[in-house]
């Protein structure tokens, strides 16, 4: 399985947060490849700037490689697919992650059950 981590799942994995269940951790460990989108770093950067997230953005970037994850850049193909998605969810970061998962294809791991309505590629944990 090839996984794309939603932003909060990536953060939880770095912080060893108890909200990341044992089952979710097992999926991450057993995945062939685990991706973190550049959109997640963008989202975290914005939230840090707004005071909604306390984190070191440089550390978040360096931990992608350090964790054995792969960076997934946002490509034009991903951005174009966002336009074709149904109007289920308004969060632009979630929408680009769904589009990336559908385009690559990857399984998107999230705790946001609303995203399940887009595609069976979404795994809610």
C-alpha atoms as a PDB file:
ATOM      1  CA  UNK A   1       0.000   0.000   0.000  1.00  0.00           C
ATOM      2  CA  UNK A   2       1.144   3.536  -0.813  1.00  0.00           C
ATOM      3  CA  UNK A   3      -0.061   6.101   1.739  1.00  0.00           C
ATOM      4  CA  UNK A   4      -0.491   9.848   1.706  1.00  0.00           C
ATOM      5  CA  UNK A   5      -0.737  11.285   5.206  1.00  0.00           C
ATOM      6  CA  UNK A   6      -3.186  14.069   5.942  1.00  0.00           C
ATOM      7  CA  UNK A   7      -1.461  16.996   7.634  1.00  0.00           C
ATOM      8  CA  UNK A   8      -2.664  16.153  11.133  1.00  0.00           C
ATOM      9  CA  UNK A   9      -1.701  12.494  10.702  1.00  0.00           C
ATOM     10  CA  UNK A  10       1.825  13.558   9.724  1.00  0.00           C
ATOM     11  CA  UNK A  11       2.043  15.831  12.773  1.00  0.00           C
ATOM     12  CA  UNK A  12       0.666  13.106  15.057  1.00  0.00           C
ATOM     13  CA  UNK A  13       3.220  10.632  13.715  1.00  0.00           C
ATOM     14  CA  UNK A  14       6.071  13.029  14.513  1.00  0.00           C
ATOM     15  CA  UNK A  15       4.784  13.804  18.021  1.00  0.00           C
ATOM     16  CA  UNK A  16       3.917  10.178  18.805  1.00  0.00           C
ATOM     17  CA  UNK A  17       0.448  11.531  19.565  1.00  0.00           C
ATOM     18  CA  UNK A  18      -1.941   9.016  21.172  1.00  0.00           C
ATOM     19  CA  UNK A  19      -4.666  10.073  18.718  1.00  0.00           C
ATOM     20  CA  UNK A  20      -2.746   8.075  16.117  1.00  0.00           C
ATOM     21  CA  UNK A  21      -4.096   4.609  16.834  1.00  0.00           C
ATOM     22  CA  UNK A  22      -2.087   1.407  16.863  1.00  0.00           C
ATOM     23  CA  UNK A  23      -3.913   0.310  13.721  1.00  0.00           C
ATOM     24  CA  UNK A  24      -2.961   3.546  11.961  1.00  0.00           C
ATOM     25  CA  UNK A  25       0.661   3.232  13.077  1.00  0.00           C
ATOM     26  CA  UNK A  26       0.713  -0.324  11.753  1.00  0.00           C
ATOM     27  CA  UNK A  27      -0.574   0.817   8.350  1.00  0.00           C
ATOM     28  CA  UNK A  28       2.159   3.456   8.196  1.00  0.00           C
ATOM     29  CA  UNK A  29       4.909   1.022   9.170  1.00  0.00           C
ATOM     30  CA  UNK A  30       3.712  -1.648   6.743  1.00  0.00           C
ATOM     31  CA  UNK A  31       3.163   0.723   3.804  1.00  0.00           C
ATOM     32  CA  UNK A  32       5.411   0.338   0.771  1.00  0.00           C
ATOM     33  CA  UNK A  33       5.738   4.107   0.557  1.00  0.00           C
ATOM     34  CA  UNK A  34       4.500   6.934   2.771  1.00  0.00           C
ATOM     35  CA  UNK A  35       4.074  10.406   1.324  1.00  0.00           C
ATOM     36  CA  UNK A  36       3.712  13.852   2.861  1.00  0.00           C
ATOM     37  CA  UNK A  37       2.352  16.492   0.516  1.00  0.00           C
ATOM     38  CA  UNK A  38       4.047  19.836   0.094  1.00  0.00           C
ATOM     39  CA  UNK A  39       0.507  21.172   0.643  1.00  0.00           C
ATOM     40  CA  UNK A  40       0.675  19.866   4.213  1.00  0.00           C
ATOM     41  CA  UNK A  41       3.823  21.891   4.847  1.00  0.00           C
ATOM     42  CA  UNK A  42       2.079  24.922   3.324  1.00  0.00           C
ATOM     43  CA  UNK A  43      -0.940  24.351   5.591  1.00  0.00           C
ATOM     44  CA  UNK A  44       1.267  23.978   8.674  1.00  0.00           C
ATOM     45  CA  UNK A  45       3.210  27.114   7.736  1.00  0.00           C
ATOM     46  CA  UNK A  46       0.003  29.137   7.496  1.00  0.00           C
ATOM     47  CA  UNK A  47      -1.303  27.781  10.812  1.00  0.00           C
ATOM     48  CA  UNK A  48       2.011  28.538  12.529  1.00  0.00           C
ATOM     49  CA  UNK A  49       1.837  32.104  11.209  1.00  0.00           C
ATOM     50  CA  UNK A  50      -1.722  32.485  12.505  1.00  0.00           C
ATOM     51  CA  UNK A  51      -0.780  31.110  15.921  1.00  0.00           C
ATOM     52  CA  UNK A  52      -3.021  28.046  15.466  1.00  0.00           C
ATOM     53  CA  UNK A  53      -0.121  25.583  15.477  1.00  0.00           C
ATOM     54  CA  UNK A  54       3.029  25.569  17.533  1.00  0.00           C
ATOM     55  CA  UNK A  55       5.748  23.867  15.509  1.00  0.00           C
ATOM     56  CA  UNK A  56       9.094  24.466  13.828  1.00  0.00           C
ATOM     57  CA  UNK A  57       8.417  24.523  10.079  1.00  0.00           C
ATOM     58  CA  UNK A  58      12.036  23.718   9.227  1.00  0.00           C
ATOM     59  CA  UNK A  59      11.819  20.639  11.440  1.00  0.00           C
ATOM     60  CA  UNK A  60       8.579  19.567   9.765  1.00  0.00           C
ATOM     61  CA  UNK A  61      10.309  19.774   6.395  1.00  0.00           C
ATOM     62  CA  UNK A  62      13.435  17.896   7.509  1.00  0.00           C
ATOM     63  CA  UNK A  63      11.405  15.194   9.270  1.00  0.00           C
ATOM     64  CA  UNK A  64       9.851  14.095   5.998  1.00  0.00           C
ATOM     65  CA  UNK A  65      13.147  12.518   4.935  1.00  0.00           C
ATOM     66  CA  UNK A  66      14.257  11.704   8.479  1.00  0.00           C
ATOM     67  CA  UNK A  67      11.073   9.676   9.010  1.00  0.00           C
ATOM     68  CA  UNK A  68      11.613   7.737   5.808  1.00  0.00           C
ATOM     69  CA  UNK A  69       8.656   9.448   4.152  1.00  0.00           C
ATOM     70  CA  UNK A  70       8.629  10.869   0.645  1.00  0.00           C
ATOM     71  CA  UNK A  71       7.638  14.400  -0.313  1.00  0.00           C
ATOM     72  CA  UNK A  72       4.780  14.676  -2.784  1.00  0.00           C
ATOM     73  CA  UNK A  73       4.897  17.991  -4.654  1.00  0.00           C
ATOM     74  CA  UNK A  74       1.663  19.604  -5.791  1.00  0.00           C
ATOM     75  CA  UNK A  75       1.536  19.228  -9.563  1.00  0.00           C
ATOM     76  CA  UNK A  76      -0.671  20.965 -12.107  1.00  0.00           C
ATOM     77  CA  UNK A  77      -2.585  17.713 -12.601  1.00  0.00           C
ATOM     78  CA  UNK A  78      -3.469  17.664  -8.891  1.00  0.00           C
ATOM     79  CA  UNK A  79      -4.549  21.300  -8.874  1.00  0.00           C
ATOM     80  CA  UNK A  80      -6.735  20.825 -11.960  1.00  0.00           C
ATOM     81  CA  UNK A  81      -8.515  17.824 -10.435  1.00  0.00           C
ATOM     82  CA  UNK A  82      -9.640  19.930  -7.462  1.00  0.00           C
ATOM     83  CA  UNK A  83     -12.031  21.738  -9.814  1.00  0.00           C
ATOM     84  CA  UNK A  84     -13.712  18.455 -10.697  1.00  0.00           C
ATOM     85  CA  UNK A  85     -14.288  17.343  -7.106  1.00  0.00           C
ATOM     86  CA  UNK A  86     -17.824  17.546  -5.748  1.00  0.00           C
ATOM     87  CA  UNK A  87     -18.498  20.339  -3.274  1.00  0.00           C
ATOM     88  CA  UNK A  88     -18.353  18.088  -0.204  1.00  0.00           C
ATOM     89  CA  UNK A  89     -15.615  19.789   1.758  1.00  0.00           C
ATOM     90  CA  UNK A  90     -14.538  23.431   1.690  1.00  0.00           C
ATOM     91  CA  UNK A  91     -11.028  23.085   3.144  1.00  0.00           C
ATOM     92  CA  UNK A  92      -8.649  23.725   0.219  1.00  0.00           C
ATOM     93  CA  UNK A  93      -5.864  21.673   1.792  1.00  0.00           C
ATOM     94  CA  UNK A  94      -8.085  18.635   2.229  1.00  0.00           C
ATOM     95  CA  UNK A  95      -9.324  19.016  -1.335  1.00  0.00           C
ATOM     96  CA  UNK A  96      -5.800  19.084  -2.794  1.00  0.00           C
ATOM     97  CA  UNK A  97      -4.839  16.032  -0.721  1.00  0.00           C
ATOM     98  CA  UNK A  98      -7.879  14.155  -2.067  1.00  0.00           C
ATOM     99  CA  UNK A  99      -6.940  15.200  -5.607  1.00  0.00           C
ATOM    100  CA  UNK A 100      -3.372  14.025  -5.077  1.00  0.00           C
ATOM    101  CA  UNK A 101      -4.558  10.675  -3.726  1.00  0.00           C
ATOM    102  CA  UNK A 102      -6.876  10.201  -6.694  1.00  0.00           C
ATOM    103  CA  UNK A 103      -4.251  11.254  -9.260  1.00  0.00           C
ATOM    104  CA  UNK A 104      -1.332   9.162  -8.081  1.00  0.00           C
ATOM    105  CA  UNK A 105      -3.205   6.917  -6.828  1.00  0.00           C
ATOM    106  CA  UNK A 106      -2.460   6.772  -3.103  1.00  0.00           C
ATOM    107  CA  UNK A 107      -4.491   5.884  -0.023  1.00  0.00           C
ATOM    108  CA  UNK A 108      -5.130   9.087   1.960  1.00  0.00           C
ATOM    109  CA  UNK A 109      -4.985   8.495   5.717  1.00  0.00           C
ATOM    110  CA  UNK A 110      -7.042  11.007   7.707  1.00  0.00           C
ATOM    111  CA  UNK A 111      -9.217  11.305  10.776  1.00  0.00           C
ATOM    112  CA  UNK A 112     -11.720  13.436   8.828  1.00  0.00           C
ATOM    113  CA  UNK A 113     -14.554  11.051   7.951  1.00  0.00           C
ATOM    114  CA  UNK A 114     -16.082  13.676   5.619  1.00  0.00           C
ATOM    115  CA  UNK A 115     -13.327  12.868   3.122  1.00  0.00           C
ATOM    116  CA  UNK A 116     -14.635   9.304   2.782  1.00  0.00           C
ATOM    117  CA  UNK A 117     -17.392  10.726   0.572  1.00  0.00           C
ATOM    118  CA  UNK A 118     -14.887  11.554  -2.175  1.00  0.00           C
ATOM    119  CA  UNK A 119     -13.309   8.199  -2.921  1.00  0.00           C
ATOM    120  CA  UNK A 120     -12.629   4.755  -1.539  1.00  0.00           C
ATOM    121  CA  UNK A 121      -8.947   5.730  -1.533  1.00  0.00           C
ATOM    122  CA  UNK A 122      -9.536   7.565   1.764  1.00  0.00           C
ATOM    123  CA  UNK A 123      -8.815   5.667   4.976  1.00  0.00           C
ATOM    124  CA  UNK A 124     -10.366   7.206   8.092  1.00  0.00           C
ATOM    125  CA  UNK A 125      -8.544   6.378  11.319  1.00  0.00           C
END
